[in-house]
Amino acid sequence: MIDIYPAIDIYNGEAVSLENGDIKRKESFG
């Protein structure tokens, strides 16, 4: 479970913006 507020679709494999402002990819979450 990932808590993201301003997030892009993770399922699409796009980058997601975390609340701390770090940009990570879906692959990072596994």
C-alpha atoms as a PDB file:
ATOM      1  CA  MET A   1       0.000   0.000   0.000  1.00  0.00           C
ATOM      2  CA  ILE A   2       1.473   3.299  -1.095  1.00  0.00           C
ATOM      3  CA  ASP A   3       0.119   6.624   0.095  1.00  0.00           C
ATOM      4  CA  ILE A   4       0.487   9.137  -2.694  1.00  0.00           C
ATOM      5  CA  TYR A   5      -1.376  12.410  -2.988  1.00  0.00           C
ATOM      6  CA  PRO A   6      -0.349  14.006  -6.303  1.00  0.00           C
ATOM      7  CA  ALA A   7       0.329  10.743  -8.067  1.00  0.00           C
ATOM      8  CA  ILE A   8       0.286   9.548 -11.636  1.00  0.00           C
ATOM      9  CA  ASP A   9      -1.024   6.096 -12.505  1.00  0.00           C
ATOM     10  CA  ILE A  10       1.503   3.670 -11.064  1.00  0.00           C
ATOM     11  CA  TYR A  11      -0.077   0.805 -12.971  1.00  0.00           C
ATOM     12  CA  ASN A  12       1.017   2.442 -16.192  1.00  0.00           C
ATOM     13  CA  GLY A  13       4.604   2.331 -14.980  1.00  0.00           C
ATOM     14  CA  GLU A  14       4.805   6.108 -15.009  1.00  0.00           C
ATOM     15  CA  ALA A  15       6.713   8.102 -12.431  1.00  0.00           C
ATOM     16  CA  VAL A  16       4.806   8.906  -9.261  1.00  0.00           C
ATOM     17  CA  SER A  17       5.184  11.936  -7.032  1.00  0.00           C
ATOM     18  CA  LEU A  18       5.350  11.083  -3.362  1.00  0.00           C
ATOM     19  CA  GLU A  19       4.270  13.500  -0.647  1.00  0.00           C
ATOM     20  CA  ASN A  20       7.924  14.188   0.157  1.00  0.00           C
ATOM     21  CA  GLY A  21       8.467  15.264  -3.432  1.00  0.00           C
ATOM     22  CA  ASP A  22      10.615  12.295  -4.437  1.00  0.00           C
ATOM     23  CA  ILE A  23       9.973  10.835  -7.860  1.00  0.00           C
ATOM     24  CA  LYS A  24       9.969   7.067  -8.089  1.00  0.00           C
ATOM     25  CA  ARG A  25       8.868   4.543 -10.673  1.00  0.00           C
ATOM     26  CA  LYS A  26       6.434   1.681 -10.341  1.00  0.00           C
ATOM     27  CA  GLU A  27       9.355  -0.732 -10.545  1.00  0.00           C
ATOM     28  CA  SER A  28      10.760   0.804  -7.370  1.00  0.00           C
ATOM     29  CA  PHE A  29       7.703  -0.367  -5.500  1.00  0.00           C
ATOM     30  CA  GLY A  30       7.917  -3.791  -7.051  1.00  0.00           C
END
